[in-house]
Amino acid sequence: MVNEGKFPRQVSLGGRAVAWVRSEVLTWGKARPRTSQACSPSLKYSASP
Protein backbone atom coordinates (compact mmCIF):
# COMPACT_ATOMS: atom_id res chain seq x y z
CA MET A 1 0.00 0.00 0.00
CA VAL A 2 2.88 2.38 0.73
CA ASN A 3 4.43 1.87 -2.71
CA GLU A 4 1.04 2.57 -4.30
CA GLY A 5 0.63 5.81 -2.31
CA LYS A 6 -2.34 4.36 -0.40
CA PHE A 7 -0.71 4.51 3.04
CA PRO A 8 1.71 7.04 4.60
CA ARG A 9 5.41 6.35 4.27
CA GLN A 10 7.35 5.15 7.28
CA VAL A 11 10.09 7.23 8.87
CA SER A 12 13.39 5.57 9.75
CA LEU A 13 14.37 5.86 13.40
CA GLY A 14 17.74 4.21 12.87
CA GLY A 15 18.83 0.61 12.60
CA ARG A 16 15.77 -1.51 11.86
CA ALA A 17 13.32 0.73 13.74
CA VAL A 18 10.63 2.64 11.86
CA ALA A 19 7.59 4.72 12.76
CA TRP A 20 4.76 6.59 11.06
CA VAL A 21 3.72 10.20 11.52
CA ARG A 22 0.60 9.96 13.69
CA SER A 23 -1.25 12.80 11.97
CA GLU A 24 -0.66 11.21 8.55
CA VAL A 25 -2.00 7.84 9.70
CA LEU A 26 -5.06 9.45 11.32
CA THR A 27 -5.76 11.46 8.15
CA TRP A 28 -5.42 8.26 6.10
CA GLY A 29 -7.86 6.45 8.40
CA LYS A 30 -10.46 9.22 8.22
CA ALA A 31 -10.29 9.21 4.41
CA ARG A 32 -11.04 5.47 4.15
CA PRO A 33 -14.61 4.50 3.36
CA ARG A 34 -16.55 3.06 6.27
CA THR A 35 -18.31 -0.28 5.94
CA SER A 36 -20.90 -1.82 8.19
CA GLN A 37 -19.64 -4.93 9.88
CA ALA A 38 -22.34 -7.16 11.24
CA CYS A 39 -21.28 -9.01 14.33
CA SER A 40 -21.03 -12.75 13.90
CA PRO A 41 -23.38 -14.75 16.18
CA SER A 42 -20.34 -16.45 17.68
CA LEU A 43 -18.94 -13.06 18.69
CA LYS A 44 -22.06 -11.82 20.47
CA TYR A 45 -21.88 -11.89 24.23
CA SER A 46 -24.68 -11.78 26.76
CA ALA A 47 -24.48 -10.34 30.25
CA SER A 48 -26.66 -13.12 31.61
CA PRO A 49 -25.86 -16.86 31.31
PDB file of N, CA and C in Angstrom:
ATOM      1  N   MET A   1       0.812  -1.186   0.000  1.00  0.00           N
ATOM      2  CA  MET A   1       0.000   0.000   0.000  1.00  0.00           C
ATOM      3  C   MET A   1       0.863   1.260   0.000  1.00  0.00           C
ATOM      4  N   VAL A   2       2.004   1.215   0.675  1.00  0.00           N
ATOM      5  CA  VAL A   2       2.883   2.379   0.727  1.00  0.00           C
ATOM      6  C   VAL A   2       3.415   2.688  -0.670  1.00  0.00           C
ATOM      7  N   ASN A   3       3.871   1.669  -1.375  1.00  0.00           N
ATOM      8  CA  ASN A   3       4.426   1.874  -2.713  1.00  0.00           C
ATOM      9  C   ASN A   3       3.388   2.406  -3.694  1.00  0.00           C
ATOM     10  N   GLU A   4       2.124   2.117  -3.435  1.00  0.00           N
ATOM     11  CA  GLU A   4       1.040   2.574  -4.300  1.00  0.00           C
ATOM     12  C   GLU A   4       0.515   3.940  -3.875  1.00  0.00           C
ATOM     13  N   GLY A   5       1.073   4.512  -2.806  1.00  0.00           N
ATOM     14  CA  GLY A   5       0.627   5.807  -2.308  1.00  0.00           C
ATOM     15  C   GLY A   5      -0.688   5.747  -1.553  1.00  0.00           C
ATOM     16  N   LYS A   6      -1.062   4.543  -1.091  1.00  0.00           N
ATOM     17  CA  LYS A   6      -2.336   4.364  -0.398  1.00  0.00           C
ATOM     18  C   LYS A   6      -2.186   4.381   1.119  1.00  0.00           C
ATOM     19  N   PHE A   7      -0.960   4.458   1.607  1.00  0.00           N
ATOM     20  CA  PHE A   7      -0.706   4.511   3.043  1.00  0.00           C
ATOM     21  C   PHE A   7       0.519   5.389   3.259  1.00  0.00           C
ATOM     22  N   PRO A   8       0.558   6.156   4.356  1.00  0.00           N
ATOM     23  CA  PRO A   8       1.707   7.039   4.604  1.00  0.00           C
ATOM     24  C   PRO A   8       3.029   6.274   4.668  1.00  0.00           C
ATOM     25  N   ARG A   9       4.068   6.947   4.238  1.00  0.00           N
ATOM     26  CA  ARG A   9       5.413   6.350   4.273  1.00  0.00           C
ATOM     27  C   ARG A   9       5.929   6.293   5.704  1.00  0.00           C
ATOM     28  N   GLN A  10       6.735   5.290   5.968  1.00  0.00           N
ATOM     29  CA  GLN A  10       7.346   5.153   7.276  1.00  0.00           C
ATOM     30  C   GLN A  10       8.565   6.063   7.371  1.00  0.00           C
ATOM     31  N   VAL A  11       8.930   6.390   8.593  1.00  0.00           N
ATOM     32  CA  VAL A  11      10.087   7.225   8.867  1.00  0.00           C
ATOM     33  C   VAL A  11      11.108   6.364   9.590  1.00  0.00           C
ATOM     34  N   SER A  12      12.346   6.367   9.112  1.00  0.00           N
ATOM     35  CA  SER A  12      13.387   5.566   9.748  1.00  0.00           C
ATOM     36  C   SER A  12      13.827   6.213  11.053  1.00  0.00           C
ATOM     37  N   LEU A  13      13.912   5.397  12.099  1.00  0.00           N
ATOM     38  CA  LEU A  13      14.375   5.859  13.404  1.00  0.00           C
ATOM     39  C   LEU A  13      15.819   5.447  13.649  1.00  0.00           C
ATOM     40  N   GLY A  14      16.377   4.703  12.727  1.00  0.00           N
ATOM     41  CA  GLY A  14      17.739   4.209  12.867  1.00  0.00           C
ATOM     42  C   GLY A  14      17.738   2.706  13.024  1.00  0.00           C
ATOM     43  N   GLY A  15      18.769   2.070  12.535  1.00  0.00           N
ATOM     44  CA  GLY A  15      18.827   0.614  12.599  1.00  0.00           C
ATOM     45  C   GLY A  15      17.656   0.006  11.845  1.00  0.00           C
ATOM     46  N   ARG A  16      16.934  -0.880  12.489  1.00  0.00           N
ATOM     47  CA  ARG A  16      15.768  -1.510  11.861  1.00  0.00           C
ATOM     48  C   ARG A  16      14.454  -0.933  12.374  1.00  0.00           C
ATOM     49  N   ALA A  17      14.518   0.141  13.152  1.00  0.00           N
ATOM     50  CA  ALA A  17      13.318   0.734  13.743  1.00  0.00           C
ATOM     51  C   ALA A  17      12.687   1.755  12.799  1.00  0.00           C
ATOM     52  N   VAL A  18      11.374   1.685  12.677  1.00  0.00           N
ATOM     53  CA  VAL A  18      10.629   2.635  11.859  1.00  0.00           C
ATOM     54  C   VAL A  18       9.396   3.103  12.622  1.00  0.00           C
ATOM     55  N   ALA A  19       8.807   4.197  12.159  1.00  0.00           N
ATOM     56  CA  ALA A  19       7.585   4.724  12.758  1.00  0.00           C
ATOM     57  C   ALA A  19       6.808   5.425  11.660  1.00  0.00           C
ATOM     58  N   TRP A  20       5.595   5.832  11.982  1.00  0.00           N
ATOM     59  CA  TRP A  20       4.763   6.587  11.055  1.00  0.00           C
ATOM     60  C   TRP A  20       4.363   7.876  11.744  1.00  0.00           C
ATOM     61  N   VAL A  21       4.168   8.925  10.964  1.00  0.00           N
ATOM     62  CA  VAL A  21       3.722  10.196  11.515  1.00  0.00           C
ATOM     63  C   VAL A  21       2.248  10.038  11.887  1.00  0.00           C
ATOM     64  N   ARG A  22       1.947  10.203  13.160  1.00  0.00           N
ATOM     65  CA  ARG A  22       0.600   9.963  13.688  1.00  0.00           C
ATOM     66  C   ARG A  22      -0.472  10.727  12.909  1.00  0.00           C
ATOM     67  N   SER A  23      -0.245  11.992  12.659  1.00  0.00           N
ATOM     68  CA  SER A  23      -1.254  12.803  11.975  1.00  0.00           C
ATOM     69  C   SER A  23      -1.520  12.280  10.564  1.00  0.00           C
ATOM     70  N   GLU A  24      -0.486  11.762   9.894  1.00  0.00           N
ATOM     71  CA  GLU A  24      -0.663  11.209   8.546  1.00  0.00           C
ATOM     72  C   GLU A  24      -1.494   9.930   8.583  1.00  0.00           C
ATOM     73  N   VAL A  25      -1.249   9.088   9.572  1.00  0.00           N
ATOM     74  CA  VAL A  25      -2.004   7.839   9.696  1.00  0.00           C
ATOM     75  C   VAL A  25      -3.463   8.137  10.053  1.00  0.00           C
ATOM     76  N   LEU A  26      -3.691   9.091  10.950  1.00  0.00           N
ATOM     77  CA  LEU A  26      -5.060   9.454  11.322  1.00  0.00           C
ATOM     78  C   LEU A  26      -5.814  10.041  10.133  1.00  0.00           C
ATOM     79  N   THR A  27      -5.144  10.888   9.352  1.00  0.00           N
ATOM     80  CA  THR A  27      -5.764  11.458   8.151  1.00  0.00           C
ATOM     81  C   THR A  27      -6.101  10.352   7.161  1.00  0.00           C
ATOM     82  N   TRP A  28      -5.194   9.402   6.992  1.00  0.00           N
ATOM     83  CA  TRP A  28      -5.424   8.259   6.099  1.00  0.00           C
ATOM     84  C   TRP A  28      -6.654   7.477   6.558  1.00  0.00           C
ATOM     85  N   GLY A  29      -6.746   7.221   7.866  1.00  0.00           N
ATOM     86  CA  GLY A  29      -7.863   6.448   8.404  1.00  0.00           C
ATOM     87  C   GLY A  29      -9.199   7.149   8.217  1.00  0.00           C
ATOM     88  N   LYS A  30      -9.212   8.465   8.380  1.00  0.00           N
ATOM     89  CA  LYS A  30     -10.458   9.224   8.217  1.00  0.00           C
ATOM     90  C   LYS A  30     -10.908   9.254   6.760  1.00  0.00           C
ATOM     91  N   ALA A  31      -9.969   9.144   5.841  1.00  0.00           N
ATOM     92  CA  ALA A  31     -10.293   9.207   4.412  1.00  0.00           C
ATOM     93  C   ALA A  31     -10.801   7.871   3.869  1.00  0.00           C
ATOM     94  N   ARG A  32     -10.605   6.791   4.620  1.00  0.00           N
ATOM     95  CA  ARG A  32     -11.036   5.475   4.149  1.00  0.00           C
ATOM     96  C   ARG A  32     -12.545   5.347   4.261  1.00  0.00           C
ATOM     97  N   PRO A  33     -13.160   4.690   3.287  1.00  0.00           N
ATOM     98  CA  PRO A  33     -14.612   4.496   3.360  1.00  0.00           C
ATOM     99  C   PRO A  33     -14.983   3.585   4.525  1.00  0.00           C
ATOM    100  N   ARG A  34     -16.058   3.896   5.169  1.00  0.00           N
ATOM    101  CA  ARG A  34     -16.551   3.061   6.271  1.00  0.00           C
ATOM    102  C   ARG A  34     -17.474   1.991   5.718  1.00  0.00           C
ATOM    103  N   THR A  35     -17.414   0.808   6.314  1.00  0.00           N
ATOM    104  CA  THR A  35     -18.310  -0.279   5.937  1.00  0.00           C
ATOM    105  C   THR A  35     -19.001  -0.774   7.192  1.00  0.00           C
ATOM    106  N   SER A  36     -20.209  -1.244   7.032  1.00  0.00           N
ATOM    107  CA  SER A  36     -20.897  -1.817   8.190  1.00  0.00           C
ATOM    108  C   SER A  36     -20.393  -3.240   8.369  1.00  0.00           C
ATOM    109  N   GLN A  37     -20.129  -3.588   9.587  1.00  0.00           N
ATOM    110  CA  GLN A  37     -19.638  -4.931   9.882  1.00  0.00           C
ATOM    111  C   GLN A  37     -20.587  -5.571  10.872  1.00  0.00           C
ATOM    112  N   ALA A  38     -21.398  -6.453  10.365  1.00  0.00           N
ATOM    113  CA  ALA A  38     -22.337  -7.161  11.239  1.00  0.00           C
ATOM    114  C   ALA A  38     -21.553  -8.093  12.147  1.00  0.00           C
ATOM    115  N   CYS A  39     -21.952  -8.150  13.363  1.00  0.00           N
ATOM    116  CA  CYS A  39     -21.284  -9.009  14.334  1.00  0.00           C
ATOM    117  C   CYS A  39     -21.711 -10.453  14.113  1.00  0.00           C
ATOM    118  N   SER A  40     -20.750 -11.335  14.065  1.00  0.00           N
ATOM    119  CA  SER A  40     -21.026 -12.748  13.898  1.00  0.00           C
ATOM    120  C   SER A  40     -21.734 -13.274  15.145  1.00  0.00           C
ATOM    121  N   PRO A  41     -22.698 -14.193  15.000  1.00  0.00           N
ATOM    122  CA  PRO A  41     -23.385 -14.751  16.178  1.00  0.00           C
ATOM    123  C   PRO A  41     -22.416 -15.334  17.190  1.00  0.00           C
ATOM    124  N   SER A  42     -21.296 -15.871  16.745  1.00  0.00           N
ATOM    125  CA  SER A  42     -20.343 -16.454  17.678  1.00  0.00           C
ATOM    126  C   SER A  42     -19.586 -15.387  18.455  1.00  0.00           C
ATOM    127  N   LEU A  43     -19.642 -14.129  18.018  1.00  0.00           N
ATOM    128  CA  LEU A  43     -18.945 -13.061  18.694  1.00  0.00           C
ATOM    129  C   LEU A  43     -19.849 -12.250  19.615  1.00  0.00           C
ATOM    130  N   LYS A  44     -21.141 -12.548  19.605  1.00  0.00           N
ATOM    131  CA  LYS A  44     -22.064 -11.818  20.473  1.00  0.00           C
ATOM    132  C   LYS A  44     -21.984 -12.381  21.892  1.00  0.00           C
ATOM    133  N   TYR A  45     -21.964 -11.471  22.844  1.00  0.00           N
ATOM    134  CA  TYR A  45     -21.883 -11.892  24.229  1.00  0.00           C
ATOM    135  C   TYR A  45     -23.110 -11.405  24.971  1.00  0.00           C
ATOM    136  N   SER A  46     -23.529 -12.145  25.937  1.00  0.00           N
ATOM    137  CA  SER A  46     -24.676 -11.783  26.755  1.00  0.00           C
ATOM    138  C   SER A  46     -24.231 -11.579  28.188  1.00  0.00           C
ATOM    139  N   ALA A  47     -24.829 -10.601  28.856  1.00  0.00           N
ATOM    140  CA  ALA A  47     -24.477 -10.337  30.253  1.00  0.00           C
ATOM    141  C   ALA A  47     -25.014 -11.425  31.176  1.00  0.00           C
ATOM    142  N   SER A  48     -26.098 -12.061  30.770  1.00  0.00           N
ATOM    143  CA  SER A  48     -26.662 -13.118  31.614  1.00  0.00           C
ATOM    144  C   SER A  48     -26.383 -14.489  30.995  1.00  0.00           C
ATOM    145  N   PRO A  49     -26.167 -15.501  31.831  1.00  0.00           N
ATOM    146  CA  PRO A  49     -25.861 -16.859  31.307  1.00  0.00           C
ATOM    147  C   PRO A  49     -27.019 -17.532  30.628  1.00  0.00           C
TER     148      PRO A  49
END
